[in-house]
């Protein structure tokens, strides 16, 4: 039986994900904002992949998803970071994103749990993308990149978001951020800021859970 016989619907979405990431690498060289938009498209595809995988299982699914993620949310954000702020420091931060992202995905494939251990690489890629789209200061983005890299390989527990209302809200903000990134529409840049606030809320959610349990 050939590998093509094993491909299922979720795998086709993973292939689309990595192709968008690959295209984003090429586009970033011309315009980093298009590269940021590619990350958002990949994030949407990654979410759809997860939904489809619930209805149709795939033998190759977990591995293909991780391979796509390291390109779209590891290599591509790292490149964007270096292009946005060419320096030794940004190159180091980009290297950390790629290396820790790879470790994060490898651990995820081994540990089959109903929660995330360490912040997801998709989160990191989206954060870098939206920070660049929102024209945050270079040093701020670099510092955040180092922090997110450390969080990806941390043992901190992050819950999976399953609430449909929250997921729908996130999808709407993502689409608005995508439109803002492609067309540089200032009137929609608020969507990127709001999504960044939601990302921050998720990043500190383990602290709130800890304080609640301690209380």
C-alpha atoms as a PDB file:
ATOM      1  CA  UNK A   1       0.000   0.000   0.000  1.00  0.00           C
ATOM      2  CA  UNK A   2       1.445   3.385  -1.061  1.00  0.00           C
ATOM      3  CA  UNK A   3       1.471   6.525   1.030  1.00  0.00           C
ATOM      4  CA  UNK A   4      -1.145   8.106  -1.241  1.00  0.00           C
ATOM      5  CA  UNK A   5      -3.596   5.414  -0.146  1.00  0.00           C
ATOM      6  CA  UNK A   6      -3.279   6.629   3.452  1.00  0.00           C
ATOM      7  CA  UNK A   7      -4.135  10.261   2.745  1.00  0.00           C
ATOM      8  CA  UNK A   8      -7.403  11.473   4.246  1.00  0.00           C
ATOM      9  CA  UNK A   9      -9.225  14.822   4.355  1.00  0.00           C
ATOM     10  CA  UNK A  10      -7.267  16.152   7.383  1.00  0.00           C
ATOM     11  CA  UNK A  11      -4.010  15.335   5.579  1.00  0.00           C
ATOM     12  CA  UNK A  12      -5.053  17.403   2.567  1.00  0.00           C
ATOM     13  CA  UNK A  13      -5.613  20.349   4.906  1.00  0.00           C
ATOM     14  CA  UNK A  14      -2.166  19.810   6.454  1.00  0.00           C
ATOM     15  CA  UNK A  15      -0.658  19.815   2.961  1.00  0.00           C
ATOM     16  CA  UNK A  16      -2.485  23.082   2.263  1.00  0.00           C
ATOM     17  CA  UNK A  17      -1.127  24.443   5.539  1.00  0.00           C
ATOM     18  CA  UNK A  18       2.516  23.721   4.698  1.00  0.00           C
ATOM     19  CA  UNK A  19       2.092  25.055   1.146  1.00  0.00           C
ATOM     20  CA  UNK A  20       0.689  28.312   2.523  1.00  0.00           C
ATOM     21  CA  UNK A  21       3.644  28.475   4.912  1.00  0.00           C
ATOM     22  CA  UNK A  22       6.045  27.845   2.035  1.00  0.00           C
ATOM     23  CA  UNK A  23       4.359  30.558  -0.035  1.00  0.00           C
ATOM     24  CA  UNK A  24       4.547  32.864   2.976  1.00  0.00           C
ATOM     25  CA  UNK A  25       8.330  32.431   3.095  1.00  0.00           C
ATOM     26  CA  UNK A  26       8.587  33.563  -0.517  1.00  0.00           C
ATOM     27  CA  UNK A  27       6.104  36.408  -0.062  1.00  0.00           C
ATOM     28  CA  UNK A  28       7.873  37.672   3.067  1.00  0.00           C
ATOM     29  CA  UNK A  29      10.978  38.471   1.063  1.00  0.00           C
ATOM     30  CA  UNK A  30       8.907  40.931  -0.971  1.00  0.00           C
ATOM     31  CA  UNK A  31       6.479  42.096   1.732  1.00  0.00           C
ATOM     32  CA  UNK A  32       6.542  40.807   5.301  1.00  0.00           C
ATOM     33  CA  UNK A  33       2.905  41.785   5.782  1.00  0.00           C
ATOM     34  CA  UNK A  34       1.919  39.178   3.194  1.00  0.00           C
ATOM     35  CA  UNK A  35       4.019  36.684   5.143  1.00  0.00           C
ATOM     36  CA  UNK A  36       2.119  37.614   8.313  1.00  0.00           C
ATOM     37  CA  UNK A  37      -1.139  37.098   6.438  1.00  0.00           C
ATOM     38  CA  UNK A  38       0.070  33.646   5.368  1.00  0.00           C
ATOM     39  CA  UNK A  39       0.527  32.716   9.036  1.00  0.00           C
ATOM     40  CA  UNK A  40      -3.060  33.722   9.739  1.00  0.00           C
ATOM     41  CA  UNK A  41      -4.309  31.605   6.817  1.00  0.00           C
ATOM     42  CA  UNK A  42      -2.271  28.659   8.112  1.00  0.00           C
ATOM     43  CA  UNK A  43      -3.761  29.150  11.589  1.00  0.00           C
ATOM     44  CA  UNK A  44      -7.261  29.008  10.124  1.00  0.00           C
ATOM     45  CA  UNK A  45      -6.344  25.853   8.184  1.00  0.00           C
ATOM     46  CA  UNK A  46      -4.854  24.345  11.350  1.00  0.00           C
ATOM     47  CA  UNK A  47      -8.127  24.945  13.171  1.00  0.00           C
ATOM     48  CA  UNK A  48     -10.166  23.421  10.351  1.00  0.00           C
ATOM     49  CA  UNK A  49      -7.776  20.471  10.312  1.00  0.00           C
ATOM     50  CA  UNK A  50      -8.489  19.820  13.988  1.00  0.00           C
ATOM     51  CA  UNK A  51     -12.233  19.889  13.411  1.00  0.00           C
ATOM     52  CA  UNK A  52     -12.131  17.587  10.387  1.00  0.00           C
ATOM     53  CA  UNK A  53      -9.826  15.163  12.222  1.00  0.00           C
ATOM     54  CA  UNK A  54     -12.577  14.570  14.789  1.00  0.00           C
ATOM     55  CA  UNK A  55     -14.778  13.038  12.083  1.00  0.00           C
ATOM     56  CA  UNK A  56     -12.169  11.333   9.952  1.00  0.00           C
ATOM     57  CA  UNK A  57      -9.118   9.720  11.521  1.00  0.00           C
ATOM     58  CA  UNK A  58      -5.817   9.539   9.685  1.00  0.00           C
ATOM     59  CA  UNK A  59      -2.780   7.345  10.219  1.00  0.00           C
ATOM     60  CA  UNK A  60      -0.491  10.148   9.075  1.00  0.00           C
ATOM     61  CA  UNK A  61      -2.468  13.019  10.566  1.00  0.00           C
ATOM     62  CA  UNK A  62      -0.507  13.862  13.724  1.00  0.00           C
ATOM     63  CA  UNK A  63       2.889  13.713  12.013  1.00  0.00           C
ATOM     64  CA  UNK A  64       1.785  15.675   8.941  1.00  0.00           C
ATOM     65  CA  UNK A  65       0.166  18.324  11.105  1.00  0.00           C
ATOM     66  CA  UNK A  66       3.383  18.811  13.071  1.00  0.00           C
ATOM     67  CA  UNK A  67       5.526  18.998   9.936  1.00  0.00           C
ATOM     68  CA  UNK A  68       3.234  21.676   8.522  1.00  0.00           C
ATOM     69  CA  UNK A  69       3.221  23.579  11.824  1.00  0.00           C
ATOM     70  CA  UNK A  70       7.009  23.829  12.112  1.00  0.00           C
ATOM     71  CA  UNK A  71       7.106  25.548   8.715  1.00  0.00           C
ATOM     72  CA  UNK A  72       4.054  27.813   9.095  1.00  0.00           C
ATOM     73  CA  UNK A  73       4.436  28.705  12.781  1.00  0.00           C
ATOM     74  CA  UNK A  74       8.163  28.180  13.312  1.00  0.00           C
ATOM     75  CA  UNK A  75      10.290  28.886  10.251  1.00  0.00           C
ATOM     76  CA  UNK A  76       8.005  31.532   8.713  1.00  0.00           C
ATOM     77  CA  UNK A  77       7.572  33.653  11.897  1.00  0.00           C
ATOM     78  CA  UNK A  78      11.318  33.367  12.501  1.00  0.00           C
ATOM     79  CA  UNK A  79      12.050  34.695   9.019  1.00  0.00           C
ATOM     80  CA  UNK A  80       9.533  37.515   9.436  1.00  0.00           C
ATOM     81  CA  UNK A  81      11.160  38.492  12.726  1.00  0.00           C
ATOM     82  CA  UNK A  82      14.597  38.725  11.102  1.00  0.00           C
ATOM     83  CA  UNK A  83      13.266  40.673   8.114  1.00  0.00           C
ATOM     84  CA  UNK A  84      11.340  43.038  10.403  1.00  0.00           C
ATOM     85  CA  UNK A  85      14.364  43.698  12.587  1.00  0.00           C
ATOM     86  CA  UNK A  86      17.645  42.582  10.949  1.00  0.00           C
ATOM     87  CA  UNK A  87      20.082  42.021  13.816  1.00  0.00           C
ATOM     88  CA  UNK A  88      21.993  39.324  15.646  1.00  0.00           C
ATOM     89  CA  UNK A  89      19.461  39.498  18.464  1.00  0.00           C
ATOM     90  CA  UNK A  90      16.481  38.931  16.177  1.00  0.00           C
ATOM     91  CA  UNK A  91      18.317  36.098  14.438  1.00  0.00           C
ATOM     92  CA  UNK A  92      18.892  34.478  17.838  1.00  0.00           C
ATOM     93  CA  UNK A  93      15.209  34.909  18.742  1.00  0.00           C
ATOM     94  CA  UNK A  94      14.179  33.405  15.399  1.00  0.00           C
ATOM     95  CA  UNK A  95      16.474  30.437  15.995  1.00  0.00           C
ATOM     96  CA  UNK A  96      14.931  29.929  19.424  1.00  0.00           C
ATOM     97  CA  UNK A  97      11.430  29.932  17.918  1.00  0.00           C
ATOM     98  CA  UNK A  98      12.355  27.253  15.383  1.00  0.00           C
ATOM     99  CA  UNK A  99      14.295  25.045  17.822  1.00  0.00           C
ATOM    100  CA  UNK A 100      11.836  25.215  20.721  1.00  0.00           C
ATOM    101  CA  UNK A 101       8.929  24.903  18.305  1.00  0.00           C
ATOM    102  CA  UNK A 102      10.390  21.659  16.994  1.00  0.00           C
ATOM    103  CA  UNK A 103      10.854  20.357  20.545  1.00  0.00           C
ATOM    104  CA  UNK A 104       7.312  21.415  21.445  1.00  0.00           C
ATOM    105  CA  UNK A 105       5.828  19.529  18.475  1.00  0.00           C
ATOM    106  CA  UNK A 106       7.949  16.427  19.118  1.00  0.00           C
ATOM    107  CA  UNK A 107       6.743  16.310  22.726  1.00  0.00           C
ATOM    108  CA  UNK A 108       3.148  16.855  21.640  1.00  0.00           C
ATOM    109  CA  UNK A 109       3.316  13.830  19.330  1.00  0.00           C
ATOM    110  CA  UNK A 110       4.511  11.636  22.187  1.00  0.00           C
ATOM    111  CA  UNK A 111       2.277  12.926  24.966  1.00  0.00           C
ATOM    112  CA  UNK A 112      -1.368  12.226  24.197  1.00  0.00           C
ATOM    113  CA  UNK A 113      -3.237  14.367  26.699  1.00  0.00           C
ATOM    114  CA  UNK A 114      -6.439  16.363  26.762  1.00  0.00           C
ATOM    115  CA  UNK A 115      -4.498  19.563  27.443  1.00  0.00           C
ATOM    116  CA  UNK A 116      -1.382  21.285  26.100  1.00  0.00           C
ATOM    117  CA  UNK A 117       1.938  21.032  27.918  1.00  0.00           C
ATOM    118  CA  UNK A 118       3.610  24.278  27.012  1.00  0.00           C
ATOM    119  CA  UNK A 119       2.030  26.990  24.906  1.00  0.00           C
ATOM    120  CA  UNK A 120       1.126  25.794  21.369  1.00  0.00           C
ATOM    121  CA  UNK A 121       3.403  26.747  18.469  1.00  0.00           C
ATOM    122  CA  UNK A 122       0.361  28.056  16.574  1.00  0.00           C
ATOM    123  CA  UNK A 123      -0.038  30.643  19.337  1.00  0.00           C
ATOM    124  CA  UNK A 124       3.590  31.731  18.931  1.00  0.00           C
ATOM    125  CA  UNK A 125       3.316  32.098  15.171  1.00  0.00           C
ATOM    126  CA  UNK A 126       0.109  34.097  15.432  1.00  0.00           C
ATOM    127  CA  UNK A 127       1.515  36.353  18.144  1.00  0.00           C
ATOM    128  CA  UNK A 128       4.590  37.252  16.078  1.00  0.00           C
ATOM    129  CA  UNK A 129       2.434  37.804  12.996  1.00  0.00           C
ATOM    130  CA  UNK A 130      -0.058  40.099  14.727  1.00  0.00           C
ATOM    131  CA  UNK A 131       2.651  42.046  16.555  1.00  0.00           C
ATOM    132  CA  UNK A 132       4.355  42.797  13.235  1.00  0.00           C
ATOM    133  CA  UNK A 133       1.050  43.655  11.561  1.00  0.00           C
ATOM    134  CA  UNK A 134       0.345  46.050  14.424  1.00  0.00           C
ATOM    135  CA  UNK A 135       3.794  47.660  13.992  1.00  0.00           C
ATOM    136  CA  UNK A 136       4.959  47.001  17.542  1.00  0.00           C
ATOM    137  CA  UNK A 137       8.523  48.136  18.400  1.00  0.00           C
ATOM    138  CA  UNK A 138      11.196  45.706  17.229  1.00  0.00           C
ATOM    139  CA  UNK A 139      12.717  45.118  20.676  1.00  0.00           C
ATOM    140  CA  UNK A 140       9.295  44.376  22.190  1.00  0.00           C
ATOM    141  CA  UNK A 141       8.613  41.694  19.581  1.00  0.00           C
ATOM    142  CA  UNK A 142      12.060  40.151  20.074  1.00  0.00           C
ATOM    143  CA  UNK A 143      11.599  39.954  23.850  1.00  0.00           C
ATOM    144  CA  UNK A 144       8.145  38.407  23.410  1.00  0.00           C
ATOM    145  CA  UNK A 145       9.636  35.900  20.946  1.00  0.00           C
ATOM    146  CA  UNK A 146      12.135  34.737  23.583  1.00  0.00           C
ATOM    147  CA  UNK A 147       9.379  34.482  26.209  1.00  0.00           C
ATOM    148  CA  UNK A 148       7.101  32.472  23.915  1.00  0.00           C
ATOM    149  CA  UNK A 149       9.984  30.170  22.989  1.00  0.00           C
ATOM    150  CA  UNK A 150      10.534  29.417  26.678  1.00  0.00           C
ATOM    151  CA  UNK A 151       6.807  28.859  27.231  1.00  0.00           C
ATOM    152  CA  UNK A 152       6.625  26.370  24.356  1.00  0.00           C
ATOM    153  CA  UNK A 153       9.038  23.975  26.053  1.00  0.00           C
ATOM    154  CA  UNK A 154       7.808  24.667  29.580  1.00  0.00           C
ATOM    155  CA  UNK A 155       5.780  22.100  31.573  1.00  0.00           C
ATOM    156  CA  UNK A 156       3.025  24.686  32.095  1.00  0.00           C
ATOM    157  CA  UNK A 157      -0.453  23.320  31.447  1.00  0.00           C
ATOM    158  CA  UNK A 158      -2.655  25.110  28.920  1.00  0.00           C
ATOM    159  CA  UNK A 159      -6.234  24.005  28.422  1.00  0.00           C
ATOM    160  CA  UNK A 160      -7.585  23.305  24.956  1.00  0.00           C
ATOM    161  CA  UNK A 161     -10.269  25.779  23.887  1.00  0.00           C
ATOM    162  CA  UNK A 162     -13.455  23.842  23.161  1.00  0.00           C
ATOM    163  CA  UNK A 163     -16.137  26.481  23.648  1.00  0.00           C
ATOM    164  CA  UNK A 164     -17.726  27.057  20.226  1.00  0.00           C
ATOM    165  CA  UNK A 165     -18.641  30.665  20.955  1.00  0.00           C
ATOM    166  CA  UNK A 166     -15.040  31.495  21.849  1.00  0.00           C
ATOM    167  CA  UNK A 167     -13.733  29.633  18.798  1.00  0.00           C
ATOM    168  CA  UNK A 168     -16.164  31.475  16.523  1.00  0.00           C
ATOM    169  CA  UNK A 169     -15.148  34.816  18.021  1.00  0.00           C
ATOM    170  CA  UNK A 170     -11.487  33.997  17.470  1.00  0.00           C
ATOM    171  CA  UNK A 171     -12.217  33.005  13.867  1.00  0.00           C
ATOM    172  CA  UNK A 172     -13.957  36.328  13.179  1.00  0.00           C
ATOM    173  CA  UNK A 173     -11.064  38.342  14.605  1.00  0.00           C
ATOM    174  CA  UNK A 174      -8.601  36.229  12.635  1.00  0.00           C
ATOM    175  CA  UNK A 175     -10.421  36.862   9.368  1.00  0.00           C
ATOM    176  CA  UNK A 176     -10.583  40.604  10.076  1.00  0.00           C
ATOM    177  CA  UNK A 177      -6.863  40.576  10.913  1.00  0.00           C
ATOM    178  CA  UNK A 178      -6.212  38.734   7.660  1.00  0.00           C
ATOM    179  CA  UNK A 179      -8.066  41.364   5.638  1.00  0.00           C
ATOM    180  CA  UNK A 180      -6.163  44.081   7.497  1.00  0.00           C
ATOM    181  CA  UNK A 181      -2.855  42.362   6.733  1.00  0.00           C
ATOM    182  CA  UNK A 182      -3.519  41.884   3.039  1.00  0.00           C
ATOM    183  CA  UNK A 183      -4.995  45.293   2.302  1.00  0.00           C
ATOM    184  CA  UNK A 184      -3.286  47.219   5.142  1.00  0.00           C
ATOM    185  CA  UNK A 185      -6.702  48.495   6.167  1.00  0.00           C
ATOM    186  CA  UNK A 186      -6.172  50.760   9.164  1.00  0.00           C
ATOM    187  CA  UNK A 187      -9.870  50.663  10.027  1.00  0.00           C
ATOM    188  CA  UNK A 188      -9.561  46.923  10.716  1.00  0.00           C
ATOM    189  CA  UNK A 189      -6.267  47.009  12.614  1.00  0.00           C
ATOM    190  CA  UNK A 190      -8.329  46.975  15.812  1.00  0.00           C
ATOM    191  CA  UNK A 191      -8.992  43.284  15.151  1.00  0.00           C
ATOM    192  CA  UNK A 192      -5.277  42.533  15.479  1.00  0.00           C
ATOM    193  CA  UNK A 193      -5.095  44.440  18.774  1.00  0.00           C
ATOM    194  CA  UNK A 194      -8.152  42.647  20.140  1.00  0.00           C
ATOM    195  CA  UNK A 195      -6.786  39.269  19.104  1.00  0.00           C
ATOM    196  CA  UNK A 196      -3.476  40.090  20.784  1.00  0.00           C
ATOM    197  CA  UNK A 197      -5.389  40.864  23.986  1.00  0.00           C
ATOM    198  CA  UNK A 198      -7.115  37.479  23.732  1.00  0.00           C
ATOM    199  CA  UNK A 199      -3.739  35.806  23.163  1.00  0.00           C
ATOM    200  CA  UNK A 200      -2.380  37.534  26.258  1.00  0.00           C
ATOM    201  CA  UNK A 201      -5.362  36.304  28.263  1.00  0.00           C
ATOM    202  CA  UNK A 202      -4.614  32.747  27.151  1.00  0.00           C
ATOM    203  CA  UNK A 203      -0.897  33.096  27.907  1.00  0.00           C
ATOM    204  CA  UNK A 204      -1.556  34.085  31.526  1.00  0.00           C
ATOM    205  CA  UNK A 205      -4.506  31.723  32.008  1.00  0.00           C
ATOM    206  CA  UNK A 206      -2.413  29.174  33.992  1.00  0.00           C
ATOM    207  CA  UNK A 207      -1.644  31.929  36.523  1.00  0.00           C
ATOM    208  CA  UNK A 208      -5.348  32.653  36.988  1.00  0.00           C
ATOM    209  CA  UNK A 209      -6.080  28.938  37.388  1.00  0.00           C
ATOM    210  CA  UNK A 210      -3.280  28.600  39.967  1.00  0.00           C
ATOM    211  CA  UNK A 211      -4.499  31.585  41.990  1.00  0.00           C
ATOM    212  CA  UNK A 212      -8.065  30.279  41.862  1.00  0.00           C
ATOM    213  CA  UNK A 213      -6.990  26.868  43.139  1.00  0.00           C
ATOM    214  CA  UNK A 214      -4.858  28.406  45.859  1.00  0.00           C
ATOM    215  CA  UNK A 215      -7.752  30.617  46.926  1.00  0.00           C
END
